Amino acid sequence: MNAISVIFPYMLEGQWVFDDEAAGLRQEPLLLGIDLMLEKATAGIPNARQGFKLFFAPAPFPGYQVKLEWRRTEFGGNWYWCEQFGLEGWLCPALLKYFDRAPKEIYAKPEPR
């Protein structure tokens, strides 16, 4: 597995989603608090709703902007806390397409596409 992964979220009918053909994901939703984090994290990216790059990794990397901390497992997914935004969000089991197990921390950096 790569140390840093990248997905390309975009807004579809009012919901953040992403596609990753290599992982077998199409219009995979990002919701339950993760959507609110994306809104805050991309506030400075013009036209982010049309698509942006989101780099993420289980360890800090140069330029990361957002840190999520694991809280608990529920319904096969995992809840993460973002101190920066004061928000909690749930990542579904698709998280395990990118990690062997839910990481204790996730570091992320959004960029324009």
PDB file of N, CA and C in Angstrom:
ATOM      1  N   MET A   1       0.841  -1.191   0.000  1.00  0.00           N
ATOM      2  CA  MET A   1       0.000   0.000   0.000  1.00  0.00           C
ATOM      3  C   MET A   1       0.876   1.241   0.000  1.00  0.00           C
ATOM      4  N   ASN A   2       0.385   2.276  -0.632  1.00  0.00           N
ATOM      5  CA  ASN A   2       1.116   3.535  -0.669  1.00  0.00           C
ATOM      6  C   ASN A   2       1.086   4.208   0.693  1.00  0.00           C
ATOM      7  N   ALA A   3       2.128   4.971   0.986  1.00  0.00           N
ATOM      8  CA  ALA A   3       2.163   5.729   2.235  1.00  0.00           C
ATOM      9  C   ALA A   3       1.157   6.879   2.176  1.00  0.00           C
ATOM     10  N   ILE A   4       1.040   7.510   1.003  1.00  0.00           N
ATOM     11  CA  ILE A   4       0.069   8.588   0.809  1.00  0.00           C
ATOM     12  C   ILE A   4      -0.869   8.173  -0.317  1.00  0.00           C
ATOM     13  N   SER A   5      -2.164   8.262  -0.049  1.00  0.00           N
ATOM     14  CA  SER A   5      -3.183   7.955  -1.057  1.00  0.00           C
ATOM     15  C   SER A   5      -3.826   9.249  -1.519  1.00  0.00           C
ATOM     16  N   VAL A   6      -4.499   9.193  -2.662  1.00  0.00           N
ATOM     17  CA  VAL A   6      -5.216  10.363  -3.163  1.00  0.00           C
ATOM     18  C   VAL A   6      -6.550   9.921  -3.758  1.00  0.00           C
ATOM     19  N   ILE A   7      -7.577  10.692  -3.452  1.00  0.00           N
ATOM     20  CA  ILE A   7      -8.891  10.520  -4.075  1.00  0.00           C
ATOM     21  C   ILE A   7      -9.310  11.887  -4.617  1.00  0.00           C
ATOM     22  N   PHE A   8     -10.364  11.902  -5.405  1.00  0.00           N
ATOM     23  CA  PHE A   8     -10.827  13.128  -6.047  1.00  0.00           C
ATOM     24  C   PHE A   8     -12.312  13.341  -5.756  1.00  0.00           C
ATOM     25  N   PRO A   9     -12.636  13.818  -4.557  1.00  0.00           N
ATOM     26  CA  PRO A   9     -14.049  14.044  -4.211  1.00  0.00           C
ATOM     27  C   PRO A   9     -14.682  15.146  -5.066  1.00  0.00           C
ATOM     28  N   TYR A  10     -15.992  15.027  -5.237  1.00  0.00           N
ATOM     29  CA  TYR A  10     -16.783  16.024  -5.945  1.00  0.00           C
ATOM     30  C   TYR A  10     -18.209  15.959  -5.398  1.00  0.00           C
ATOM     31  N   MET A  11     -18.976  16.985  -5.699  1.00  0.00           N
ATOM     32  CA  MET A  11     -20.353  17.062  -5.225  1.00  0.00           C
ATOM     33  C   MET A  11     -21.282  16.500  -6.303  1.00  0.00           C
ATOM     34  N   LEU A  12     -22.156  15.584  -5.895  1.00  0.00           N
ATOM     35  CA  LEU A  12     -23.144  14.993  -6.789  1.00  0.00           C
ATOM     36  C   LEU A  12     -24.498  15.071  -6.105  1.00  0.00           C
ATOM     37  N   GLU A  13     -25.406  15.836  -6.681  1.00  0.00           N
ATOM     38  CA  GLU A  13     -26.754  15.999  -6.142  1.00  0.00           C
ATOM     39  C   GLU A  13     -26.740  16.355  -4.659  1.00  0.00           C
ATOM     40  N   GLY A  14     -25.848  17.280  -4.283  1.00  0.00           N
ATOM     41  CA  GLY A  14     -25.796  17.773  -2.916  1.00  0.00           C
ATOM     42  C   GLY A  14     -25.038  16.900  -1.932  1.00  0.00           C
ATOM     43  N   GLN A  15     -24.327  15.872  -2.427  1.00  0.00           N
ATOM     44  CA  GLN A  15     -23.591  14.956  -1.555  1.00  0.00           C
ATOM     45  C   GLN A  15     -22.160  14.800  -2.054  1.00  0.00           C
ATOM     46  N   TRP A  16     -21.192  14.872  -1.130  1.00  0.00           N
ATOM     47  CA  TRP A  16     -19.806  14.607  -1.494  1.00  0.00           C
ATOM     48  C   TRP A  16     -19.644  13.116  -1.783  1.00  0.00           C
ATOM     49  N   VAL A  17     -19.017  12.804  -2.913  1.00  0.00           N
ATOM     50  CA  VAL A  17     -18.737  11.431  -3.319  1.00  0.00           C
ATOM     51  C   VAL A  17     -17.350  11.393  -3.970  1.00  0.00           C
ATOM     52  N   PHE A  18     -16.857  10.181  -4.206  1.00  0.00           N
ATOM     53  CA  PHE A  18     -15.631  10.031  -4.990  1.00  0.00           C
ATOM     54  C   PHE A  18     -15.675   8.698  -5.717  1.00  0.00           C
ATOM     55  N   ASP A  19     -14.880   8.610  -6.770  1.00  0.00           N
ATOM     56  CA  ASP A  19     -14.732   7.392  -7.550  1.00  0.00           C
ATOM     57  C   ASP A  19     -13.285   6.932  -7.423  1.00  0.00           C
ATOM     58  N   ASP A  20     -13.083   5.642  -7.345  1.00  0.00           N
ATOM     59  CA  ASP A  20     -11.737   5.075  -7.358  1.00  0.00           C
ATOM     60  C   ASP A  20     -11.840   3.712  -8.025  1.00  0.00           C
ATOM     61  N   GLU A  21     -11.620   3.703  -9.318  1.00  0.00           N
ATOM     62  CA  GLU A  21     -11.758   2.480 -10.099  1.00  0.00           C
ATOM     63  C   GLU A  21     -10.868   1.364  -9.564  1.00  0.00           C
ATOM     64  N   ALA A  22      -9.628   1.698  -9.181  1.00  0.00           N
ATOM     65  CA  ALA A  22      -8.688   0.690  -8.683  1.00  0.00           C
ATOM     66  C   ALA A  22      -9.198   0.017  -7.402  1.00  0.00           C
ATOM     67  N   ALA A  23      -9.956   0.759  -6.596  1.00  0.00           N
ATOM     68  CA  ALA A  23     -10.502   0.218  -5.342  1.00  0.00           C
ATOM     69  C   ALA A  23     -11.915  -0.340  -5.527  1.00  0.00           C
ATOM     70  N   GLY A  24     -12.449  -0.240  -6.741  1.00  0.00           N
ATOM     71  CA  GLY A  24     -13.793  -0.745  -7.006  1.00  0.00           C
ATOM     72  C   GLY A  24     -14.891   0.135  -6.425  1.00  0.00           C
ATOM     73  N   LEU A  25     -14.620   1.433  -6.312  1.00  0.00           N
ATOM     74  CA  LEU A  25     -15.595   2.366  -5.725  1.00  0.00           C
ATOM     75  C   LEU A  25     -16.103   3.343  -6.774  1.00  0.00           C
ATOM     76  N   ARG A  26     -17.415   3.534  -6.802  1.00  0.00           N
ATOM     77  CA  ARG A  26     -18.037   4.494  -7.715  1.00  0.00           C
ATOM     78  C   ARG A  26     -19.081   5.270  -6.940  1.00  0.00           C
ATOM     79  N   GLN A  27     -18.978   6.589  -7.000  1.00  0.00           N
ATOM     80  CA  GLN A  27     -19.884   7.489  -6.287  1.00  0.00           C
ATOM     81  C   GLN A  27     -19.996   7.097  -4.815  1.00  0.00           C
ATOM     82  N   GLU A  28     -18.852   6.797  -4.215  1.00  0.00           N
ATOM     83  CA  GLU A  28     -18.786   6.424  -2.793  1.00  0.00           C
ATOM     84  C   GLU A  28     -19.070   7.672  -1.956  1.00  0.00           C
ATOM     85  N   PRO A  29     -20.105   7.656  -1.122  1.00  0.00           N
ATOM     86  CA  PRO A  29     -20.462   8.860  -0.366  1.00  0.00           C
ATOM     87  C   PRO A  29     -19.529   9.130   0.821  1.00  0.00           C
ATOM     88  N   LEU A  30     -19.335  10.400   1.068  1.00  0.00           N
ATOM     89  CA  LEU A  30     -18.616  10.890   2.245  1.00  0.00           C
ATOM     90  C   LEU A  30     -19.640  11.687   3.038  1.00  0.00           C
ATOM     91  N   LEU A  31     -20.064  11.146   4.171  1.00  0.00           N
ATOM     92  CA  LEU A  31     -21.189  11.732   4.890  1.00  0.00           C
ATOM     93  C   LEU A  31     -20.998  11.656   6.390  1.00  0.00           C
ATOM     94  N   LEU A  32     -22.038  11.883   7.142  1.00  0.00           N
ATOM     95  CA  LEU A  32     -22.040  11.764   8.600  1.00  0.00           C
ATOM     96  C   LEU A  32     -20.890  12.524   9.265  1.00  0.00           C
ATOM     97  N   GLY A  33     -20.769  13.781   8.924  1.00  0.00           N
ATOM     98  CA  GLY A  33     -19.752  14.640   9.523  1.00  0.00           C
ATOM     99  C   GLY A  33     -18.527  14.818   8.645  1.00  0.00           C
ATOM    100  N   ILE A  34     -18.166  13.800   7.876  1.00  0.00           N
ATOM    101  CA  ILE A  34     -17.029  13.930   6.961  1.00  0.00           C
ATOM    102  C   ILE A  34     -17.364  14.972   5.900  1.00  0.00           C
ATOM    103  N   ASP A  35     -18.614  15.024   5.467  1.00  0.00           N
ATOM    104  CA  ASP A  35     -19.039  16.025   4.493  1.00  0.00           C
ATOM    105  C   ASP A  35     -18.842  17.443   5.032  1.00  0.00           C
ATOM    106  N   LEU A  36     -19.144  17.652   6.298  1.00  0.00           N
ATOM    107  CA  LEU A  36     -18.963  18.974   6.899  1.00  0.00           C
ATOM    108  C   LEU A  36     -17.483  19.329   7.008  1.00  0.00           C
ATOM    109  N   MET A  37     -16.661  18.337   7.326  1.00  0.00           N
ATOM    110  CA  MET A  37     -15.215  18.572   7.370  1.00  0.00           C
ATOM    111  C   MET A  37     -14.690  18.968   5.996  1.00  0.00           C
ATOM    112  N   LEU A  38     -15.192  18.295   4.947  1.00  0.00           N
ATOM    113  CA  LEU A  38     -14.765  18.625   3.586  1.00  0.00           C
ATOM    114  C   LEU A  38     -15.142  20.054   3.219  1.00  0.00           C
ATOM    115  N   GLU A  39     -16.332  20.470   3.614  1.00  0.00           N
ATOM    116  CA  GLU A  39     -16.767  21.839   3.339  1.00  0.00           C
ATOM    117  C   GLU A  39     -15.793  22.842   3.963  1.00  0.00           C
ATOM    118  N   LYS A  40     -15.407  22.609   5.212  1.00  0.00           N
ATOM    119  CA  LYS A  40     -14.499  23.512   5.908  1.00  0.00           C
ATOM    120  C   LYS A  40     -13.088  23.444   5.316  1.00  0.00           C
ATOM    121  N   ALA A  41     -12.626  22.242   5.024  1.00  0.00           N
ATOM    122  CA  ALA A  41     -11.269  22.061   4.520  1.00  0.00           C
ATOM    123  C   ALA A  41     -11.075  22.635   3.118  1.00  0.00           C
ATOM    124  N   THR A  42     -12.150  22.697   2.335  1.00  0.00           N
ATOM    125  CA  THR A  42     -12.041  23.179   0.952  1.00  0.00           C
ATOM    126  C   THR A  42     -12.556  24.604   0.774  1.00  0.00           C
ATOM    127  N   ALA A  43     -12.842  25.276   1.866  1.00  0.00           N
ATOM    128  CA  ALA A  43     -13.402  26.631   1.776  1.00  0.00           C
ATOM    129  C   ALA A  43     -12.542  27.561   0.922  1.00  0.00           C
ATOM    130  N   GLY A  44     -11.244  27.385   0.921  1.00  0.00           N
ATOM    131  CA  GLY A  44     -10.354  28.248   0.149  1.00  0.00           C
ATOM    132  C   GLY A  44     -10.012  27.728  -1.236  1.00  0.00           C
ATOM    133  N   ILE A  45     -10.623  26.623  -1.645  1.00  0.00           N
ATOM    134  CA  ILE A  45     -10.344  26.049  -2.968  1.00  0.00           C
ATOM    135  C   ILE A  45     -11.467  26.437  -3.927  1.00  0.00           C
ATOM    136  N   PRO A  46     -11.157  27.247  -4.938  1.00  0.00           N
ATOM    137  CA  PRO A  46     -12.198  27.640  -5.904  1.00  0.00           C
ATOM    138  C   PRO A  46     -12.807  26.415  -6.590  1.00  0.00           C
ATOM    139  N   ASN A  47     -14.103  26.417  -6.717  1.00  0.00           N
ATOM    140  CA  ASN A  47     -14.848  25.361  -7.418  1.00  0.00           C
ATOM    141  C   ASN A  47     -14.588  23.959  -6.869  1.00  0.00           C
ATOM    142  N   ALA A  48     -14.329  23.852  -5.578  1.00  0.00           N
ATOM    143  CA  ALA A  48     -14.048  22.541  -4.971  1.00  0.00           C
ATOM    144  C   ALA A  48     -15.188  21.557  -5.201  1.00  0.00           C
ATOM    145  N   ARG A  49     -16.406  22.041  -5.257  1.00  0.00           N
ATOM    146  CA  ARG A  49     -17.548  21.140  -5.440  1.00  0.00           C
ATOM    147  C   ARG A  49     -17.536  20.450  -6.800  1.00  0.00           C
ATOM    148  N   GLN A  50     -16.804  21.008  -7.758  1.00  0.00           N
ATOM    149  CA  GLN A  50     -16.670  20.357  -9.059  1.00  0.00           C
ATOM    150  C   GLN A  50     -15.565  19.308  -9.033  1.00  0.00           C
ATOM    151  N   GLY A  51     -14.819  19.259  -7.934  1.00  0.00           N
ATOM    152  CA  GLY A  51     -13.778  18.250  -7.774  1.00  0.00           C
ATOM    153  C   GLY A  51     -12.487  18.851  -7.252  1.00  0.00           C
ATOM    154  N   PHE A  52     -11.824  18.124  -6.382  1.00  0.00           N
ATOM    155  CA  PHE A  52     -10.532  18.527  -5.850  1.00  0.00           C
ATOM    156  C   PHE A  52      -9.742  17.277  -5.502  1.00  0.00           C
ATOM    157  N   LYS A  53      -8.439  17.440  -5.264  1.00  0.00           N
ATOM    158  CA  LYS A  53      -7.574  16.334  -4.846  1.00  0.00           C
ATOM    159  C   LYS A  53      -7.564  16.274  -3.335  1.00  0.00           C
ATOM    160  N   LEU A  54      -7.624  15.079  -2.779  1.00  0.00           N
ATOM    161  CA  LEU A  54      -7.508  14.903  -1.339  1.00  0.00           C
ATOM    162  C   LEU A  54      -6.446  13.838  -1.062  1.00  0.00           C
ATOM    163  N   PHE A  55      -5.284  14.304  -0.606  1.00  0.00           N
ATOM    164  CA  PHE A  55      -4.202  13.407  -0.208  1.00  0.00           C
ATOM    165  C   PHE A  55      -4.445  13.003   1.240  1.00  0.00           C
ATOM    166  N   PHE A  56      -4.179  11.747   1.590  1.00  0.00           N
ATOM    167  CA  PHE A  56      -4.351  11.307   2.972  1.00  0.00           C
ATOM    168  C   PHE A  56      -3.400  10.165   3.295  1.00  0.00           C
ATOM    169  N   ALA A  57      -3.026  10.085   4.576  1.00  0.00           N
ATOM    170  CA  ALA A  57      -2.052   9.087   5.020  1.00  0.00           C
ATOM    171  C   ALA A  57      -2.237   8.832   6.519  1.00  0.00           C
ATOM    172  N   PRO A  58      -1.714   7.702   7.018  1.00  0.00           N
ATOM    173  CA  PRO A  58      -1.825   7.398   8.439  1.00  0.00           C
ATOM    174  C   PRO A  58      -0.740   8.057   9.295  1.00  0.00           C
ATOM    175  N   ALA A  59       0.139   8.823   8.655  1.00  0.00           N
ATOM    176  CA  ALA A  59       1.213   9.514   9.369  1.00  0.00           C
ATOM    177  C   ALA A  59       1.345  10.922   8.794  1.00  0.00           C
ATOM    178  N   PRO A  60       1.863  11.849   9.571  1.00  0.00           N
ATOM    179  CA  PRO A  60       2.037  13.208   9.052  1.00  0.00           C
ATOM    180  C   PRO A  60       2.926  13.209   7.804  1.00  0.00           C
ATOM    181  N   PHE A  61       2.619  14.123   6.894  1.00  0.00           N
ATOM    182  CA  PHE A  61       3.432  14.305   5.690  1.00  0.00           C
ATOM    183  C   PHE A  61       3.554  15.802   5.438  1.00  0.00           C
ATOM    184  N   PRO A  62       4.572  16.238   4.684  1.00  0.00           N
ATOM    185  CA  PRO A  62       4.770  17.671   4.461  1.00  0.00           C
ATOM    186  C   PRO A  62       3.530  18.347   3.888  1.00  0.00           C
ATOM    187  N   GLY A  63       3.101  19.403   4.538  1.00  0.00           N
ATOM    188  CA  GLY A  63       1.970  20.185   4.047  1.00  0.00           C
ATOM    189  C   GLY A  63       0.599  19.700   4.461  1.00  0.00           C
ATOM    190  N   TYR A  64       0.516  18.640   5.269  1.00  0.00           N
ATOM    191  CA  TYR A  64      -0.826  18.192   5.662  1.00  0.00           C
ATOM    192  C   TYR A  64      -1.545  19.342   6.369  1.00  0.00           C
ATOM    193  N   GLN A  65      -2.865  19.373   6.242  1.00  0.00           N
ATOM    194  CA  GLN A  65      -3.648  20.480   6.797  1.00  0.00           C
ATOM    195  C   GLN A  65      -4.704  20.043   7.804  1.00  0.00           C
ATOM    196  N   VAL A  66      -5.092  18.788   7.757  1.00  0.00           N
ATOM    197  CA  VAL A  66      -6.164  18.296   8.617  1.00  0.00           C
ATOM    198  C   VAL A  66      -5.711  16.996   9.281  1.00  0.00           C
ATOM    199  N   LYS A  67      -6.030  16.860  10.563  1.00  0.00           N
ATOM    200  CA  LYS A  67      -5.713  15.632  11.299  1.00  0.00           C
ATOM    201  C   LYS A  67      -7.000  15.073  11.887  1.00  0.00           C
ATOM    202  N   LEU A  68      -7.238  13.789  11.659  1.00  0.00           N
ATOM    203  CA  LEU A  68      -8.374  13.078  12.245  1.00  0.00           C
ATOM    204  C   LEU A  68      -7.841  12.075  13.252  1.00  0.00           C
ATOM    205  N   GLU A  69      -8.532  11.944  14.382  1.00  0.00           N
ATOM    206  CA  GLU A  69      -8.138  10.999  15.426  1.00  0.00           C
ATOM    207  C   GLU A  69      -9.240   9.963  15.609  1.00  0.00           C
ATOM    208  N   TRP A  70      -8.851   8.685  15.569  1.00  0.00           N
ATOM    209  CA  TRP A  70      -9.803   7.588  15.705  1.00  0.00           C
ATOM    210  C   TRP A  70     -10.483   7.634  17.069  1.00  0.00           C
ATOM    211  N   ARG A  71     -11.785   7.377  17.091  1.00  0.00           N
ATOM    212  CA  ARG A  71     -12.546   7.357  18.338  1.00  0.00           C
ATOM    213  C   ARG A  71     -13.149   5.986  18.631  1.00  0.00           C
ATOM    214  N   ARG A  72     -13.853   5.401  17.649  1.00  0.00           N
ATOM    215  CA  ARG A  72     -14.527   4.130  17.911  1.00  0.00           C
ATOM    216  C   ARG A  72     -15.025   3.516  16.598  1.00  0.00           C
ATOM    217  N   THR A  73     -15.359   2.230  16.673  1.00  0.00           N
ATOM    218  CA  THR A  73     -15.920   1.501  15.543  1.00  0.00           C
ATOM    219  C   THR A  73     -17.434   1.420  15.722  1.00  0.00           C
ATOM    220  N   GLU A  74     -18.145   1.518  14.614  1.00  0.00           N
ATOM    221  CA  GLU A  74     -19.604   1.346  14.647  1.00  0.00           C
ATOM    222  C   GLU A  74     -20.093   0.924  13.270  1.00  0.00           C
ATOM    223  N   PHE A  75     -20.891  -0.128  13.228  1.00  0.00           N
ATOM    224  CA  PHE A  75     -21.496  -0.634  11.994  1.00  0.00           C
ATOM    225  C   PHE A  75     -20.466  -0.867  10.896  1.00  0.00           C
ATOM    226  N   GLY A  76     -19.307  -1.399  11.264  1.00  0.00           N
ATOM    227  CA  GLY A  76     -18.275  -1.718  10.292  1.00  0.00           C
ATOM    228  C   GLY A  76     -17.423  -0.540   9.866  1.00  0.00           C
ATOM    229  N   GLY A  77     -17.833   0.669  10.243  1.00  0.00           N
ATOM    230  CA  GLY A  77     -17.070   1.872   9.928  1.00  0.00           C
ATOM    231  C   GLY A  77     -16.382   2.400  11.170  1.00  0.00           C
ATOM    232  N   ASN A  78     -15.779   3.557  11.045  1.00  0.00           N
ATOM    233  CA  ASN A  78     -15.005   4.133  12.142  1.00  0.00           C
ATOM    234  C   ASN A  78     -15.291   5.620  12.281  1.00  0.00           C
ATOM    235  N   TRP A  79     -15.455   6.033  13.530  1.00  0.00           N
ATOM    236  CA  TRP A  79     -15.667   7.436  13.854  1.00  0.00           C
ATOM    237  C   TRP A  79     -14.323   8.101  14.130  1.00  0.00           C
ATOM    238  N   TYR A  80     -14.148   9.291  13.565  1.00  0.00           N
ATOM    239  CA  TYR A  80     -12.936  10.080  13.753  1.00  0.00           C
ATOM    240  C   TYR A  80     -13.303  11.483  14.239  1.00  0.00           C
ATOM    241  N   TRP A  81     -12.444  12.042  15.079  1.00  0.00           N
ATOM    242  CA  TRP A  81     -12.608  13.389  15.623  1.00  0.00           C
ATOM    243  C   TRP A  81     -11.600  14.311  14.956  1.00  0.00           C
ATOM    244  N   CYS A  82     -12.058  15.501  14.558  1.00  0.00           N
ATOM    245  CA  CYS A  82     -11.182  16.527  14.002  1.00  0.00           C
ATOM    246  C   CYS A  82     -11.196  17.712  14.957  1.00  0.00           C
ATOM    247  N   GLU A  83     -10.152  17.854  15.729  1.00  0.00           N
ATOM    248  CA  GLU A  83     -10.034  18.954  16.695  1.00  0.00           C
ATOM    249  C   GLU A  83     -10.105  20.305  15.996  1.00  0.00           C
ATOM    250  N   GLN A  84      -9.452  20.422  14.866  1.00  0.00           N
ATOM    251  CA  GLN A  84      -9.383  21.666  14.106  1.00  0.00           C
ATOM    252  C   GLN A  84     -10.765  22.236  13.794  1.00  0.00           C
ATOM    253  N   PHE A  85     -11.698  21.376  13.443  1.00  0.00           N
ATOM    254  CA  PHE A  85     -13.047  21.819  13.080  1.00  0.00           C
ATOM    255  C   PHE A  85     -14.065  21.579  14.184  1.00  0.00           C
ATOM    256  N   GLY A  86     -13.672  20.866  15.241  1.00  0.00           N
ATOM    257  CA  GLY A  86     -14.602  20.546  16.314  1.00  0.00           C
ATOM    258  C   GLY A  86     -15.725  19.642  15.842  1.00  0.00           C
ATOM    259  N   LEU A  87     -15.378  18.710  14.945  1.00  0.00           N
ATOM    260  CA  LEU A  87     -16.381  17.827  14.339  1.00  0.00           C
ATOM    261  C   LEU A  87     -15.958  16.368  14.435  1.00  0.00           C
ATOM    262  N   GLU A  88     -16.965  15.506  14.498  1.00  0.00           N
ATOM    263  CA  GLU A  88     -16.759  14.073  14.440  1.00  0.00           C
ATOM    264  C   GLU A  88     -17.371  13.573  13.141  1.00  0.00           C
ATOM    265  N   GLY A  89     -16.735  12.594  12.511  1.00  0.00           N
ATOM    266  CA  GLY A  89     -17.259  12.060  11.264  1.00  0.00           C
ATOM    267  C   GLY A  89     -17.018  10.567  11.166  1.00  0.00           C
ATOM    268  N   TRP A  90     -17.883   9.902  10.411  1.00  0.00           N
ATOM    269  CA  TRP A  90     -17.836   8.448  10.248  1.00  0.00           C
ATOM    270  C   TRP A  90     -17.305   8.102   8.868  1.00  0.00           C
ATOM    271  N   LEU A  91     -16.316   7.234   8.839  1.00  0.00           N
ATOM    272  CA  LEU A  91     -15.800   6.710   7.578  1.00  0.00           C
ATOM    273  C   LEU A  91     -16.254   5.261   7.451  1.00  0.00           C
ATOM    274  N   CYS A  92     -16.903   4.957   6.341  1.00  0.00           N
ATOM    275  CA  CYS A  92     -17.488   3.638   6.130  1.00  0.00           C
ATOM    276  C   CYS A  92     -16.406   2.580   5.914  1.00  0.00           C
ATOM    277  N   PRO A  93     -16.795   1.303   5.798  1.00  0.00           N
ATOM    278  CA  PRO A  93     -15.818   0.227   5.618  1.00  0.00           C
ATOM    279  C   PRO A  93     -14.933   0.370   4.372  1.00  0.00           C
ATOM    280  N   ALA A  94     -15.282   1.245   3.437  1.00  0.00           N
ATOM    281  CA  ALA A  94     -14.418   1.482   2.267  1.00  0.00           C
ATOM    282  C   ALA A  94     -13.045   1.998   2.701  1.00  0.00           C
ATOM    283  N   LEU A  95     -12.938   2.511   3.914  1.00  0.00           N
ATOM    284  CA  LEU A  95     -11.655   2.945   4.467  1.00  0.00           C
ATOM    285  C   LEU A  95     -10.622   1.817   4.370  1.00  0.00           C
ATOM    286  N   LEU A  96     -11.085   0.592   4.503  1.00  0.00           N
ATOM    287  CA  LEU A  96     -10.183  -0.557   4.498  1.00  0.00           C
ATOM    288  C   LEU A  96      -9.701  -0.929   3.093  1.00  0.00           C
ATOM    289  N   LYS A  97     -10.157  -0.211   2.084  1.00  0.00           N
ATOM    290  CA  LYS A  97      -9.592  -0.341   0.741  1.00  0.00           C
ATOM    291  C   LYS A  97      -8.238   0.370   0.682  1.00  0.00           C
ATOM    292  N   TYR A  98      -7.997   1.255   1.645  1.00  0.00           N
ATOM    293  CA  TYR A  98      -6.781   2.065   1.660  1.00  0.00           C
ATOM    294  C   TYR A  98      -5.831   1.727   2.802  1.00  0.00           C
ATOM    295  N   PHE A  99      -6.344   1.074   3.834  1.00  0.00           N
ATOM    296  CA  PHE A  99      -5.547   0.713   5.004  1.00  0.00           C
ATOM    297  C   PHE A  99      -5.872  -0.725   5.406  1.00  0.00           C
ATOM    298  N   ASP A 100      -4.885  -1.428   5.964  1.00  0.00           N
ATOM    299  CA  ASP A 100      -5.115  -2.793   6.439  1.00  0.00           C
ATOM    300  C   ASP A 100      -6.099  -2.816   7.597  1.00  0.00           C
ATOM    301  N   ARG A 101      -6.041  -1.771   8.417  1.00  0.00           N
ATOM    302  CA  ARG A 101      -6.986  -1.591   9.534  1.00  0.00           C
ATOM    303  C   ARG A 101      -7.160  -0.099   9.738  1.00  0.00           C
ATOM    304  N   ALA A 102      -8.190   0.285  10.438  1.00  0.00           N
ATOM    305  CA  ALA A 102      -8.459   1.710  10.653  1.00  0.00           C
ATOM    306  C   ALA A 102      -7.278   2.344  11.393  1.00  0.00           C
ATOM    307  N   PRO A 103      -6.644   3.346  10.801  1.00  0.00           N
ATOM    308  CA  PRO A 103      -5.514   3.976  11.477  1.00  0.00           C
ATOM    309  C   PRO A 103      -5.961   4.805  12.671  1.00  0.00           C
ATOM    310  N   LYS A 104      -5.078   4.936  13.639  1.00  0.00           N
ATOM    311  CA  LYS A 104      -5.366   5.751  14.825  1.00  0.00           C
ATOM    312  C   LYS A 104      -5.466   7.226  14.462  1.00  0.00           C
ATOM    313  N   GLU A 105      -4.749   7.624  13.428  1.00  0.00           N
ATOM    314  CA  GLU A 105      -4.793   9.008  12.948  1.00  0.00           C
ATOM    315  C   GLU A 105      -4.788   8.996  11.429  1.00  0.00           C
ATOM    316  N   ILE A 106      -5.447   9.984  10.853  1.00  0.00           N
ATOM    317  CA  ILE A 106      -5.413  10.191   9.409  1.00  0.00           C
ATOM    318  C   ILE A 106      -5.057  11.659   9.189  1.00  0.00           C
ATOM    319  N   TYR A 107      -4.071  11.875   8.332  1.00  0.00           N
ATOM    320  CA  TYR A 107      -3.635  13.227   7.991  1.00  0.00           C
ATOM    321  C   TYR A 107      -4.034  13.479   6.548  1.00  0.00           C
ATOM    322  N   ALA A 108      -4.513  14.695   6.278  1.00  0.00           N
ATOM    323  CA  ALA A 108      -5.048  14.974   4.942  1.00  0.00           C
ATOM    324  C   ALA A 108      -4.663  16.360   4.452  1.00  0.00           C
ATOM    325  N   LYS A 109      -4.671  16.489   3.132  1.00  0.00           N
ATOM    326  CA  LYS A 109      -4.401  17.780   2.502  1.00  0.00           C
ATOM    327  C   LYS A 109      -5.260  17.895   1.249  1.00  0.00           C
ATOM    328  N   PRO A 110      -6.196  18.845   1.227  1.00  0.00           N
ATOM    329  CA  PRO A 110      -6.960  19.098   0.002  1.00  0.00           C
ATOM    330  C   PRO A 110      -6.214  20.081  -0.888  1.00  0.00           C
ATOM    331  N   GLU A 111      -6.314  19.869  -2.190  1.00  0.00           N
ATOM    332  CA  GLU A 111      -5.688  20.768  -3.173  1.00  0.00           C
ATOM    333  C   GLU A 111      -6.626  20.930  -4.357  1.00  0.00           C
ATOM    334  N   PRO A 112      -6.497  22.032  -5.082  1.00  0.00           N
ATOM    335  CA  PRO A 112      -7.276  22.166  -6.317  1.00  0.00           C
ATOM    336  C   PRO A 112      -6.923  21.037  -7.284  1.00  0.00           C
ATOM    337  N   ARG A 113      -7.879  20.675  -8.092  1.00  0.00           N
ATOM    338  CA  ARG A 113      -7.654  19.626  -9.075  1.00  0.00           C
ATOM    339  C   ARG A 113      -6.901  20.207 -10.217  1.00  0.00           C
TER     340      ARG A 113
END
